[in-house]
Protein backbone atom coordinates (compact mmCIF):
# COMPACT_ATOMS: atom_id res chain seq x y z
CA UNK A 1 -0.72 2.82 41.48
CA UNK A 2 -4.34 3.95 41.39
CA UNK A 3 -4.71 7.45 39.96
CA UNK A 4 -7.57 8.29 42.36
CA UNK A 5 -9.87 9.16 39.44
CA UNK A 6 -7.55 11.67 37.80
CA UNK A 7 -7.33 11.81 34.00
CA UNK A 8 -6.80 14.36 31.23
CA UNK A 9 -9.83 12.92 29.44
CA UNK A 10 -12.87 15.18 29.26
CA UNK A 11 -16.31 14.97 27.68
CA UNK A 12 -18.28 18.08 26.81
CA UNK A 13 -21.32 18.55 24.54
CA UNK A 14 -19.18 19.86 21.67
CA UNK A 15 -16.00 17.82 22.10
CA UNK A 16 -14.25 14.83 23.61
CA UNK A 17 -10.64 14.39 24.68
CA UNK A 18 -9.98 10.67 25.14
CA UNK A 19 -6.58 9.76 26.55
CA UNK A 20 -5.04 6.25 26.47
CA UNK A 21 -5.48 5.75 30.22
CA UNK A 22 -9.26 5.73 29.63
CA UNK A 23 -9.33 3.49 26.51
CA UNK A 24 -11.56 0.44 26.81
CA UNK A 25 -11.40 -2.24 24.13
CA UNK A 26 -14.09 -4.65 23.03
CA UNK A 27 -14.80 -7.34 20.44
CA UNK A 28 -17.09 -6.72 17.47
CA UNK A 29 -19.12 -9.29 15.52
CA UNK A 30 -17.20 -10.63 12.53
CA UNK A 31 -13.86 -9.32 13.82
CA UNK A 32 -11.35 -12.06 14.53
CA UNK A 33 -8.52 -11.59 17.07
CA UNK A 34 -8.94 -7.80 17.01
CA UNK A 35 -9.44 -5.55 20.04
CA UNK A 36 -11.48 -2.48 19.05
CA UNK A 37 -11.23 0.85 20.89
CA UNK A 38 -14.11 3.04 19.72
CA UNK A 39 -13.31 6.75 19.86
CA UNK A 40 -16.20 8.44 18.06
CA UNK A 41 -19.57 7.02 17.06
CA UNK A 42 -23.22 8.06 16.60
CA UNK A 43 -23.67 7.49 20.34
CA UNK A 44 -21.74 10.73 20.95
CA UNK A 45 -23.51 12.57 18.13
CA UNK A 46 -20.90 11.91 15.44
CA UNK A 47 -21.89 11.28 11.82
CA UNK A 48 -18.96 8.88 11.46
CA UNK A 49 -17.26 6.15 13.48
CA UNK A 50 -13.56 6.08 14.30
CA UNK A 51 -11.77 3.34 16.18
CA UNK A 52 -8.35 1.86 16.74
CA UNK A 53 -8.08 -1.79 15.73
CA UNK A 54 -5.46 -3.74 17.69
CA UNK A 55 -4.66 -6.92 15.75
CA UNK A 56 -3.21 -10.10 17.13
CA UNK A 57 -1.16 -12.08 14.58
CA UNK A 58 -3.63 -13.44 12.03
CA UNK A 59 -6.41 -11.07 13.13
CA UNK A 60 -8.91 -9.63 10.65
CA UNK A 61 -11.56 -6.93 10.48
CA UNK A 62 -15.23 -7.64 9.96
CA UNK A 63 -17.60 -6.01 7.50
CA UNK A 64 -17.42 -2.24 7.02
CA UNK A 65 -20.43 -0.02 7.64
CA UNK A 66 -20.29 2.35 4.69
CA UNK A 67 -16.96 3.44 3.26
CA UNK A 68 -13.81 2.66 5.23
CA UNK A 69 -10.48 4.44 5.68
CA UNK A 70 -7.40 2.69 7.11
CA UNK A 71 -4.15 4.20 8.41
CA UNK A 72 -1.48 1.88 9.76
CA UNK A 73 0.02 2.99 13.07
CA UNK A 74 2.15 -0.07 13.87
CA UNK A 75 2.87 -3.41 12.24
CA UNK A 76 1.49 -4.24 8.79
CA UNK A 77 -1.77 -5.33 7.17
CA UNK A 78 -2.89 -6.95 3.96
CA UNK A 79 -5.98 -5.58 2.19
CA UNK A 80 -7.59 -7.86 -0.40
CA UNK A 81 -10.10 -6.21 -2.72
CA UNK A 82 -11.35 -8.04 -5.79
CA UNK A 83 -8.46 -9.84 -7.44
CA UNK A 84 -5.78 -7.54 -5.97
CA UNK A 85 -3.93 -7.62 -2.66
CA UNK A 86 -2.24 -4.58 -1.14
CA UNK A 87 0.35 -4.52 1.64
CA UNK A 88 0.26 -1.53 4.00
CA UNK A 89 3.12 -0.71 6.38
CA UNK A 90 3.24 2.10 8.98
CA UNK A 91 1.94 5.39 7.49
CA UNK A 92 0.26 3.41 4.70
CA UNK A 93 -3.41 4.13 4.12
CA UNK A 94 -6.41 3.07 2.06
CA UNK A 95 -9.86 4.31 1.10
CA UNK A 96 -12.31 1.46 0.49
CA UNK A 97 -15.64 2.26 -1.24
CA UNK A 98 -18.97 1.15 0.23
CA UNK A 99 -20.50 -2.20 -0.63
CA UNK A 100 -17.25 -3.64 -1.96
CA UNK A 101 -16.35 -6.84 -0.12
CA UNK A 102 -12.77 -6.83 1.12
CA UNK A 103 -10.61 -8.39 3.79
CA UNK A 104 -8.16 -6.69 6.14
CA UNK A 105 -5.71 -9.02 7.88
CA UNK A 106 -2.53 -8.66 9.93
CA UNK A 107 0.29 -11.19 9.95
CA UNK A 108 1.84 -9.70 13.10
CA UNK A 109 0.64 -7.60 16.03
CA UNK A 110 -0.54 -4.35 14.46
CA UNK A 111 -2.47 -1.17 15.23
CA UNK A 112 -4.63 0.57 12.65
CA UNK A 113 -6.75 3.73 12.78
CA UNK A 114 -10.09 3.01 11.11
CA UNK A 115 -12.75 5.48 10.00
CA UNK A 116 -16.15 4.44 8.66
CA UNK A 117 -19.02 6.63 7.46
CA UNK A 118 -22.14 6.36 5.33
CA UNK A 119 -21.84 7.82 1.84
CA UNK A 120 -23.55 11.12 1.07
CA UNK A 121 -24.29 10.37 -2.57
CA UNK A 122 -24.62 12.92 -5.34
CA UNK A 123 -27.06 12.24 -8.15
CA UNK A 124 -25.24 10.92 -11.19
CA UNK A 125 -21.91 10.64 -9.35
CA UNK A 126 -20.31 7.25 -8.75
CA UNK A 127 -18.52 6.83 -5.38
CA UNK A 128 -14.75 7.14 -5.68
CA UNK A 129 -12.85 3.91 -6.36
CA UNK A 130 -10.47 2.30 -3.89
CA UNK A 131 -7.29 4.24 -3.22
CA UNK A 132 -4.05 3.03 -1.63
CA UNK A 133 -1.02 5.09 -0.68
CA UNK A 134 1.58 6.01 1.88
CA UNK A 135 1.82 9.31 3.69
CA UNK A 136 5.56 9.37 3.03
CA UNK A 137 4.87 9.82 -0.71
CA UNK A 138 2.51 12.79 -0.22
CA UNK A 139 4.06 16.24 -0.56
CA UNK A 140 3.30 18.53 2.36
CA UNK A 141 1.85 22.00 1.81
CA UNK A 142 2.30 24.94 4.19
CA UNK A 143 -0.92 26.02 5.86
CA UNK A 144 -1.67 29.71 5.23
CA UNK A 145 1.90 30.19 4.03
CA UNK A 146 3.46 28.94 7.28
CA UNK A 147 6.31 26.55 6.44
CA UNK A 148 6.41 25.41 10.07
CA UNK A 149 2.93 23.90 9.67
CA UNK A 150 2.70 21.29 6.91
CA UNK A 151 -0.50 19.62 5.71
CA UNK A 152 -0.57 16.37 3.76
CA UNK A 153 -3.88 15.70 2.00
CA UNK A 154 -4.15 11.92 1.84
CA UNK A 155 -7.30 11.80 -0.30
CA UNK A 156 -8.13 13.87 -3.39
CA UNK A 157 -10.97 16.36 -3.47
CA UNK A 158 -13.26 14.58 -5.92
CA UNK A 159 -17.04 14.48 -6.49
CA UNK A 160 -17.17 10.83 -5.43
CA UNK A 161 -15.59 11.49 -2.00
CA UNK A 162 -17.51 13.14 0.83
CA UNK A 163 -14.76 13.19 3.44
CA UNK A 164 -11.10 14.11 3.82
CA UNK A 165 -8.24 12.76 5.93
CA UNK A 166 -5.05 14.76 6.36
CA UNK A 167 -1.96 14.74 8.50
CA UNK A 168 -0.78 18.02 10.00
CA UNK A 169 2.79 18.45 11.22
CA UNK A 170 3.83 21.36 13.49
CA UNK A 171 7.39 22.36 14.18
CA UNK A 172 8.01 23.16 17.87
CA UNK A 173 6.26 26.43 18.65
CA UNK A 174 4.09 26.42 15.51
CA UNK A 175 0.37 27.07 15.94
CA UNK A 176 -2.82 27.59 13.99
CA UNK A 177 -3.12 31.21 12.94
CA UNK A 178 -6.71 31.54 14.16
CA UNK A 179 -9.34 29.89 16.30
CA UNK A 180 -11.39 27.90 13.78
CA UNK A 181 -15.18 27.66 14.01
CA UNK A 182 -16.82 25.82 11.12
CA UNK A 183 -19.54 23.40 10.02
CA UNK A 184 -17.15 20.46 9.59
CA UNK A 185 -16.86 17.69 12.19
CA UNK A 186 -13.47 16.28 13.16
CA UNK A 187 -11.89 13.13 14.49
CA UNK A 188 -8.24 13.66 15.45
CA UNK A 189 -5.57 11.19 16.57
CA UNK A 190 -2.28 12.52 17.93
CA UNK A 191 0.55 10.65 16.17
CA UNK A 192 3.63 12.44 17.50
CA UNK A 193 4.62 15.08 20.03
CA UNK A 194 2.17 17.24 21.89
CA UNK A 195 0.93 20.70 22.70
CA UNK A 196 -2.12 22.62 23.80
CA UNK A 197 -5.54 22.23 22.20
CA UNK A 198 -8.34 24.73 22.71
CA UNK A 199 -11.76 23.06 22.46
CA UNK A 200 -14.77 25.23 23.18
CA UNK A 201 -13.75 27.43 26.10
CA UNK A 202 -11.24 24.96 27.55
CA UNK A 203 -7.50 24.41 26.96
CA UNK A 204 -6.15 20.86 27.13
CA UNK A 205 -2.59 19.49 27.17
CA UNK A 206 -2.44 16.74 24.54
CA UNK A 207 0.20 14.19 23.56
CA UNK A 208 0.88 11.16 21.38
CA UNK A 209 -1.95 8.63 21.51
CA UNK A 210 -4.73 11.05 22.47
CA UNK A 211 -7.96 11.21 20.47
CA UNK A 212 -10.17 14.28 20.02
CA UNK A 213 -13.70 14.50 18.64
CA UNK A 214 -14.94 17.95 17.63
CA UNK A 215 -18.58 18.62 16.81
CA UNK A 216 -19.55 21.13 14.11
CA UNK A 217 -18.92 24.74 15.18
CA UNK A 218 -16.74 23.74 18.14
CA UNK A 219 -14.12 26.51 18.61
CA UNK A 220 -10.72 24.88 18.06
CA UNK A 221 -7.05 25.85 18.07
CA UNK A 222 -3.74 24.02 18.50
CA UNK A 223 -0.20 25.03 19.32
CA UNK A 224 2.78 22.65 19.47
CA UNK A 225 4.94 22.54 22.59
CA UNK A 226 8.18 20.76 23.41
CA UNK A 227 11.41 20.18 21.48
CA UNK A 228 10.07 17.77 18.85
CA UNK A 229 7.43 18.25 16.13
CA UNK A 230 3.79 17.44 16.76
CA UNK A 231 1.71 15.57 14.20
CA UNK A 232 -1.86 14.37 14.04
CA UNK A 233 -4.22 12.52 11.71
CA UNK A 234 -7.45 14.44 11.19
CA UNK A 235 -10.77 13.47 9.60
CA UNK A 236 -13.44 15.90 8.39
CA UNK A 237 -16.63 15.69 6.38
CA UNK A 238 -15.89 17.45 3.11
CA UNK A 239 -17.09 18.45 -0.34
CA UNK A 240 -20.82 18.30 0.37
CA UNK A 241 -23.52 20.95 0.76
CA UNK A 242 -24.63 21.21 4.41
CA UNK A 243 -28.24 20.56 3.44
CA UNK A 244 -28.82 16.79 3.17
CA UNK A 245 -28.91 15.52 -0.38
CA UNK A 246 -27.42 18.67 -1.90
């Protein structure tokens, strides 16, 4: 049935809520049997690109633009880098450095969250090497001492990395302890559950599958609702001086 133009999606100068009913896929050059749903890109003012790659069996990604982060949502992928091949199942992830040829293929139907961004290089610092892991092996840490809100830092804080990707898991009723306003930009994908997100001066119901882009200094707050935990994957620029080249 037609929804008569109704949607929870909303676009404002400082943020975007993109819900699955408004997702539009497209092909990209060099991508084979992969439907790409672009969530955040320079066209919206973002300094990074985030998309969901929907693989058909045998599908593969094209060339990365800058460094690339992968997080498997469904199915499984194979990442070949140099002489090594890595298998990633759901909750598996990888950081792939810039300018290192690699292939990403799926043997079955799969969905993968992909983040790409240019490197902000530091003089005398080599970009971080490739990193592969699984979220299940990362120990969660309570945020601000709240055991009901667990953060898993998927990438180390290292001079050669200029971004971070975490998962955040909220027990029912858990919430951020403050409204955050900061210089960092975010891309957020809801993985489980739902709740209420404050973005700017608006409050949005959010649920599994939703994507949120937050510009620098966008007021933001989240509280989990329902009887099951809420979890999301969140990107931020990280570990760099806000002045370019610093």
